[in-house]
Amino acid sequence: MLRDEDGDATEIGRQRVFTGRIFDLDDVSIDFHGETLRRQWLVHPGSVAVLAIDERDQVVLLQQFRAPIGQRMWELPAGLRDAPGEPAVSAARRELAEETELQAAEWQKLTEFVPTGGSSDETVQVFLAEGLSHVATDFERTGEEAQLRVRRVPFDEVLAAVLAGDVRNGALMIGVLALAAKRR
């Protein structure tokens, strides 16, 4: 059976190099089979993403500007697990409501992935949300979020865009492919 395994290294030192609003940067020394390795990585609270599907099999998507790549990307509603101790599904519910003013009656963890295991400890949990309905929120969007564009797109059209490479957001791609595989 193919499965990721716990590593066989021991952390022997750590120093916080940078503290940021979303992530920190640590310089870490590791004993790996008698050799001392020194690595730096982003320390991240983790993220959630929501593949919200309506009764017509349409995916709720957001288009948001992403400064590091200078593009407006199509994405799933998503966000940080920045409230200490908050269960991942609660963070997913919060993000769906804040970004789309929707709530879901049915929630299921679809998959979990590590987007950049060579440079960050972030994990992303992707949830499938169904039974959508409107919910009023008083969340005030600022910055890039003030320009969010929300759109519903048929699942098959989103899957085709993923397969064609027309959308590149990792959580969107992985969530849609996971659901397509599950449906198969």
C-alpha atoms as a PDB file:
ATOM      1  CA  MET A   1       0.000   0.000   0.000  1.00  0.00           C
ATOM      2  CA  LEU A   2       1.340   3.413  -0.969  1.00  0.00           C
ATOM      3  CA  ARG A   3       1.363   5.755   2.030  1.00  0.00           C
ATOM      4  CA  ASP A   4       3.442   8.677   3.307  1.00  0.00           C
ATOM      5  CA  GLU A   5       5.401   7.742   6.440  1.00  0.00           C
ATOM      6  CA  ASP A   6       6.758   9.587   9.450  1.00  0.00           C
ATOM      7  CA  GLY A   7      10.339  10.711   8.928  1.00  0.00           C
ATOM      8  CA  ASP A   8      13.371   9.330  10.696  1.00  0.00           C
ATOM      9  CA  ALA A   9      14.974  12.645  11.606  1.00  0.00           C
ATOM     10  CA  THR A  10      15.287  14.441  14.937  1.00  0.00           C
ATOM     11  CA  GLU A  11      15.023  18.180  15.320  1.00  0.00           C
ATOM     12  CA  ILE A  12      18.008  19.453  17.298  1.00  0.00           C
ATOM     13  CA  GLY A  13      17.561  23.216  17.058  1.00  0.00           C
ATOM     14  CA  ARG A  14      15.160  25.885  15.865  1.00  0.00           C
ATOM     15  CA  GLN A  15      15.262  29.649  15.566  1.00  0.00           C
ATOM     16  CA  ARG A  16      12.435  31.949  14.468  1.00  0.00           C
ATOM     17  CA  VAL A  17      13.912  34.158  11.735  1.00  0.00           C
ATOM     18  CA  PHE A  18      10.769  36.061  10.783  1.00  0.00           C
ATOM     19  CA  THR A  19       7.311  36.528  12.294  1.00  0.00           C
ATOM     20  CA  GLY A  20       4.597  37.560   9.870  1.00  0.00           C
ATOM     21  CA  ARG A  21       0.858  38.129   9.758  1.00  0.00           C
ATOM     22  CA  ILE A  22       0.095  34.859   7.956  1.00  0.00           C
ATOM     23  CA  PHE A  23       3.216  32.738   8.352  1.00  0.00           C
ATOM     24  CA  ASP A  24       6.562  32.661  10.140  1.00  0.00           C
ATOM     25  CA  LEU A  25       9.972  31.525   8.931  1.00  0.00           C
ATOM     26  CA  ASP A  26      12.072  29.129  11.008  1.00  0.00           C
ATOM     27  CA  ASP A  27      15.707  28.044  10.641  1.00  0.00           C
ATOM     28  CA  VAL A  28      15.850  24.421  11.796  1.00  0.00           C
ATOM     29  CA  SER A  29      18.703  21.987  12.448  1.00  0.00           C
ATOM     30  CA  ILE A  30      17.914  18.294  12.017  1.00  0.00           C
ATOM     31  CA  ASP A  31      19.858  15.134  12.790  1.00  0.00           C
ATOM     32  CA  PHE A  32      19.276  12.901   9.758  1.00  0.00           C
ATOM     33  CA  HIS A  33      21.110   9.560  10.026  1.00  0.00           C
ATOM     34  CA  GLY A  34      24.052  11.159  11.842  1.00  0.00           C
ATOM     35  CA  GLU A  35      24.294  14.134   9.495  1.00  0.00           C
ATOM     36  CA  THR A  36      23.220  17.590  10.662  1.00  0.00           C
ATOM     37  CA  LEU A  37      20.967  19.255   8.089  1.00  0.00           C
ATOM     38  CA  ARG A  38      20.008  22.900   8.275  1.00  0.00           C
ATOM     39  CA  ARG A  39      16.745  23.902   6.601  1.00  0.00           C
ATOM     40  CA  GLN A  40      14.453  26.921   6.561  1.00  0.00           C
ATOM     41  CA  TRP A  41      10.717  26.691   6.080  1.00  0.00           C
ATOM     42  CA  LEU A  42       7.498  28.603   6.392  1.00  0.00           C
ATOM     43  CA  VAL A  43       5.534  27.788   9.539  1.00  0.00           C
ATOM     44  CA  HIS A  44       1.869  27.983   8.535  1.00  0.00           C
ATOM     45  CA  PRO A  45      -1.337  27.510  10.577  1.00  0.00           C
ATOM     46  CA  GLY A  46      -2.909  25.384   7.832  1.00  0.00           C
ATOM     47  CA  SER A  47      -5.740  26.091   5.428  1.00  0.00           C
ATOM     48  CA  VAL A  48      -9.146  24.862   4.381  1.00  0.00           C
ATOM     49  CA  ALA A  49     -10.870  24.955   1.006  1.00  0.00           C
ATOM     50  CA  VAL A  50     -14.518  24.316   0.192  1.00  0.00           C
ATOM     51  CA  LEU A  51     -15.774  22.584  -2.937  1.00  0.00           C
ATOM     52  CA  ALA A  52     -19.351  23.861  -2.681  1.00  0.00           C
ATOM     53  CA  ILE A  53     -21.727  22.164  -5.134  1.00  0.00           C
ATOM     54  CA  ASP A  54     -25.284  23.386  -5.644  1.00  0.00           C
ATOM     55  CA  GLU A  55     -28.388  21.395  -6.602  1.00  0.00           C
ATOM     56  CA  ARG A  56     -27.639  21.921 -10.326  1.00  0.00           C
ATOM     57  CA  ASP A  57     -24.124  20.414  -9.948  1.00  0.00           C
ATOM     58  CA  GLN A  58     -22.472  23.805 -10.201  1.00  0.00           C
ATOM     59  CA  VAL A  59     -19.288  24.684  -8.314  1.00  0.00           C
ATOM     60  CA  VAL A  60     -19.135  27.951  -6.385  1.00  0.00           C
ATOM     61  CA  LEU A  61     -15.923  29.688  -7.478  1.00  0.00           C
ATOM     62  CA  LEU A  62     -14.193  32.900  -6.510  1.00  0.00           C
ATOM     63  CA  GLN A  63     -11.948  35.000  -8.663  1.00  0.00           C
ATOM     64  CA  GLN A  64      -9.373  36.811  -6.554  1.00  0.00           C
ATOM     65  CA  PHE A  65      -6.243  38.837  -7.284  1.00  0.00           C
ATOM     66  CA  ARG A  66      -3.061  37.120  -6.067  1.00  0.00           C
ATOM     67  CA  ALA A  67      -0.217  39.614  -5.742  1.00  0.00           C
ATOM     68  CA  PRO A  68       2.742  37.147  -5.789  1.00  0.00           C
ATOM     69  CA  ILE A  69       1.833  36.006  -9.305  1.00  0.00           C
ATOM     70  CA  GLY A  70       0.069  39.191 -10.431  1.00  0.00           C
ATOM     71  CA  GLN A  71      -3.055  37.352 -11.599  1.00  0.00           C
ATOM     72  CA  ARG A  72      -6.725  37.015 -10.823  1.00  0.00           C
ATOM     73  CA  MET A  73      -7.153  33.310 -10.127  1.00  0.00           C
ATOM     74  CA  TRP A  74     -10.279  31.182 -10.003  1.00  0.00           C
ATOM     75  CA  GLU A  75     -10.340  29.434  -6.634  1.00  0.00           C
ATOM     76  CA  LEU A  76     -12.530  27.603  -4.179  1.00  0.00           C
ATOM     77  CA  PRO A  77     -13.672  29.513  -1.116  1.00  0.00           C
ATOM     78  CA  ALA A  78     -10.739  29.025   1.241  1.00  0.00           C
ATOM     79  CA  GLY A  79      -8.817  30.468   4.121  1.00  0.00           C
ATOM     80  CA  LEU A  80      -6.529  30.042   7.077  1.00  0.00           C
ATOM     81  CA  ARG A  81      -7.024  27.933  10.164  1.00  0.00           C
ATOM     82  CA  ASP A  82      -5.911  30.928  12.189  1.00  0.00           C
ATOM     83  CA  ALA A  83      -8.223  30.539  15.201  1.00  0.00           C
ATOM     84  CA  PRO A  84      -6.331  28.325  17.708  1.00  0.00           C
ATOM     85  CA  GLY A  85      -8.120  25.034  18.321  1.00  0.00           C
ATOM     86  CA  GLU A  86     -10.778  25.690  15.688  1.00  0.00           C
ATOM     87  CA  PRO A  87     -11.801  22.426  13.993  1.00  0.00           C
ATOM     88  CA  ALA A  88     -11.057  22.420  10.261  1.00  0.00           C
ATOM     89  CA  VAL A  89     -14.722  21.988   9.303  1.00  0.00           C
ATOM     90  CA  SER A  90     -15.618  25.047  11.410  1.00  0.00           C
ATOM     91  CA  ALA A  91     -12.986  27.087   9.564  1.00  0.00           C
ATOM     92  CA  ALA A  92     -14.434  25.809   6.273  1.00  0.00           C
ATOM     93  CA  ARG A  93     -17.966  26.844   7.318  1.00  0.00           C
ATOM     94  CA  ARG A  94     -16.674  30.281   8.320  1.00  0.00           C
ATOM     95  CA  GLU A  95     -14.787  30.809   5.053  1.00  0.00           C
ATOM     96  CA  LEU A  96     -17.730  29.718   2.899  1.00  0.00           C
ATOM     97  CA  ALA A  97     -20.033  32.169   4.704  1.00  0.00           C
ATOM     98  CA  GLU A  98     -17.547  35.059   4.682  1.00  0.00           C
ATOM     99  CA  GLU A  99     -16.580  34.735   1.042  1.00  0.00           C
ATOM    100  CA  THR A 100     -19.872  33.698  -0.575  1.00  0.00           C
ATOM    101  CA  GLU A 101     -22.674  34.329   1.960  1.00  0.00           C
ATOM    102  CA  LEU A 102     -23.574  30.657   1.690  1.00  0.00           C
ATOM    103  CA  GLN A 103     -23.992  27.894   4.212  1.00  0.00           C
ATOM    104  CA  ALA A 104     -24.193  24.160   3.600  1.00  0.00           C
ATOM    105  CA  ALA A 105     -26.356  21.474   5.181  1.00  0.00           C
ATOM    106  CA  GLU A 106     -23.937  18.629   4.370  1.00  0.00           C
ATOM    107  CA  TRP A 107     -20.170  18.596   4.968  1.00  0.00           C
ATOM    108  CA  GLN A 108     -17.649  15.908   4.130  1.00  0.00           C
ATOM    109  CA  LYS A 109     -13.861  15.965   4.172  1.00  0.00           C
ATOM    110  CA  LEU A 110     -12.870  15.259   0.590  1.00  0.00           C
ATOM    111  CA  THR A 111      -9.072  15.201   0.838  1.00  0.00           C
ATOM    112  CA  GLU A 112      -6.013  16.739   2.470  1.00  0.00           C
ATOM    113  CA  PHE A 113      -2.749  17.744   0.838  1.00  0.00           C
ATOM    114  CA  VAL A 114       0.591  19.431   1.475  1.00  0.00           C
ATOM    115  CA  PRO A 115       1.089  22.066  -1.247  1.00  0.00           C
ATOM    116  CA  THR A 116       4.823  22.711  -0.826  1.00  0.00           C
ATOM    117  CA  GLY A 117       6.362  20.115   1.489  1.00  0.00           C
ATOM    118  CA  GLY A 118       9.888  21.222   0.616  1.00  0.00           C
ATOM    119  CA  SER A 119       9.422  24.751   1.912  1.00  0.00           C
ATOM    120  CA  SER A 120       6.366  24.885   4.196  1.00  0.00           C
ATOM    121  CA  ASP A 121       4.579  22.811   6.835  1.00  0.00           C
ATOM    122  CA  GLU A 122       1.145  23.940   5.552  1.00  0.00           C
ATOM    123  CA  THR A 123      -1.584  21.351   5.108  1.00  0.00           C
ATOM    124  CA  VAL A 124      -4.819  22.081   3.242  1.00  0.00           C
ATOM    125  CA  GLN A 125      -8.028  20.204   4.023  1.00  0.00           C
ATOM    126  CA  VAL A 126     -10.607  20.271   1.228  1.00  0.00           C
ATOM    127  CA  PHE A 127     -14.250  19.844   2.167  1.00  0.00           C
ATOM    128  CA  LEU A 128     -17.229  18.986  -0.015  1.00  0.00           C
ATOM    129  CA  ALA A 129     -20.222  21.180   0.906  1.00  0.00           C
ATOM    130  CA  GLU A 130     -23.712  20.456  -0.393  1.00  0.00           C
ATOM    131  CA  GLY A 131     -27.244  21.603   0.390  1.00  0.00           C
ATOM    132  CA  LEU A 132     -26.371  25.268  -0.101  1.00  0.00           C
ATOM    133  CA  SER A 133     -28.475  28.176   1.106  1.00  0.00           C
ATOM    134  CA  HIS A 134     -27.973  31.913   1.604  1.00  0.00           C
ATOM    135  CA  VAL A 135     -26.743  33.225   4.952  1.00  0.00           C
ATOM    136  CA  ALA A 136     -26.312  36.885   5.855  1.00  0.00           C
ATOM    137  CA  THR A 137     -22.930  37.893   7.248  1.00  0.00           C
ATOM    138  CA  ASP A 138     -21.478  41.139   8.501  1.00  0.00           C
ATOM    139  CA  PHE A 139     -17.985  40.260   7.295  1.00  0.00           C
ATOM    140  CA  GLU A 140     -16.281  43.283   5.757  1.00  0.00           C
ATOM    141  CA  ARG A 141     -14.019  42.490   2.813  1.00  0.00           C
ATOM    142  CA  THR A 142     -10.892  44.606   2.409  1.00  0.00           C
ATOM    143  CA  GLY A 143      -7.826  44.552   0.163  1.00  0.00           C
ATOM    144  CA  GLU A 144      -7.915  41.866  -2.497  1.00  0.00           C
ATOM    145  CA  GLU A 145     -11.048  40.362  -0.958  1.00  0.00           C
ATOM    146  CA  ALA A 146     -12.983  43.587  -1.633  1.00  0.00           C
ATOM    147  CA  GLN A 147     -12.732  42.722  -5.351  1.00  0.00           C
ATOM    148  CA  LEU A 148     -13.852  39.067  -5.068  1.00  0.00           C
ATOM    149  CA  ARG A 149     -15.988  37.841  -7.922  1.00  0.00           C
ATOM    150  CA  VAL A 150     -18.297  34.895  -7.126  1.00  0.00           C
ATOM    151  CA  ARG A 151     -19.552  32.654  -9.912  1.00  0.00           C
ATOM    152  CA  ARG A 152     -21.244  29.267 -10.229  1.00  0.00           C
ATOM    153  CA  VAL A 153     -19.872  27.044 -12.972  1.00  0.00           C
ATOM    154  CA  PRO A 154     -21.063  23.545 -14.010  1.00  0.00           C
ATOM    155  CA  PHE A 155     -18.841  20.858 -12.483  1.00  0.00           C
ATOM    156  CA  ASP A 156     -17.981  19.346 -15.883  1.00  0.00           C
ATOM    157  CA  GLU A 157     -16.841  22.772 -17.143  1.00  0.00           C
ATOM    158  CA  VAL A 158     -14.604  23.251 -14.097  1.00  0.00           C
ATOM    159  CA  LEU A 159     -13.166  19.736 -14.541  1.00  0.00           C
ATOM    160  CA  ALA A 160     -12.439  20.489 -18.214  1.00  0.00           C
ATOM    161  CA  ALA A 161     -10.690  23.762 -17.234  1.00  0.00           C
ATOM    162  CA  VAL A 162      -8.559  21.871 -14.689  1.00  0.00           C
ATOM    163  CA  LEU A 163      -7.580  19.206 -17.225  1.00  0.00           C
ATOM    164  CA  ALA A 164      -6.791  21.841 -19.872  1.00  0.00           C
ATOM    165  CA  GLY A 165      -4.574  23.800 -17.472  1.00  0.00           C
ATOM    166  CA  ASP A 166      -6.796  26.871 -17.756  1.00  0.00           C
ATOM    167  CA  VAL A 167      -7.031  27.166 -13.961  1.00  0.00           C
ATOM    168  CA  ARG A 168      -3.990  26.580 -11.770  1.00  0.00           C
ATOM    169  CA  ASN A 169      -5.044  27.013  -8.153  1.00  0.00           C
ATOM    170  CA  GLY A 170      -3.911  23.892  -6.299  1.00  0.00           C
ATOM    171  CA  ALA A 171      -6.880  23.496  -3.954  1.00  0.00           C
ATOM    172  CA  LEU A 172      -9.326  23.960  -6.838  1.00  0.00           C
ATOM    173  CA  MET A 173      -7.501  21.417  -8.994  1.00  0.00           C
ATOM    174  CA  ILE A 174      -7.094  18.816  -6.246  1.00  0.00           C
ATOM    175  CA  GLY A 175     -10.650  19.217  -4.952  1.00  0.00           C
ATOM    176  CA  VAL A 176     -12.224  18.881  -8.397  1.00  0.00           C
ATOM    177  CA  LEU A 177     -10.035  15.916  -9.361  1.00  0.00           C
ATOM    178  CA  ALA A 178     -10.746  14.194  -6.033  1.00  0.00           C
ATOM    179  CA  LEU A 179     -14.492  14.588  -6.493  1.00  0.00           C
ATOM    180  CA  ALA A 180     -14.306  13.415 -10.126  1.00  0.00           C
ATOM    181  CA  ALA A 181     -12.412  10.306  -8.995  1.00  0.00           C
ATOM    182  CA  LYS A 182     -14.876   9.693  -6.175  1.00  0.00           C
ATOM    183  CA  ARG A 183     -17.822   9.966  -8.552  1.00  0.00           C
ATOM    184  CA  ARG A 184     -16.203   7.532 -10.958  1.00  0.00           C
END
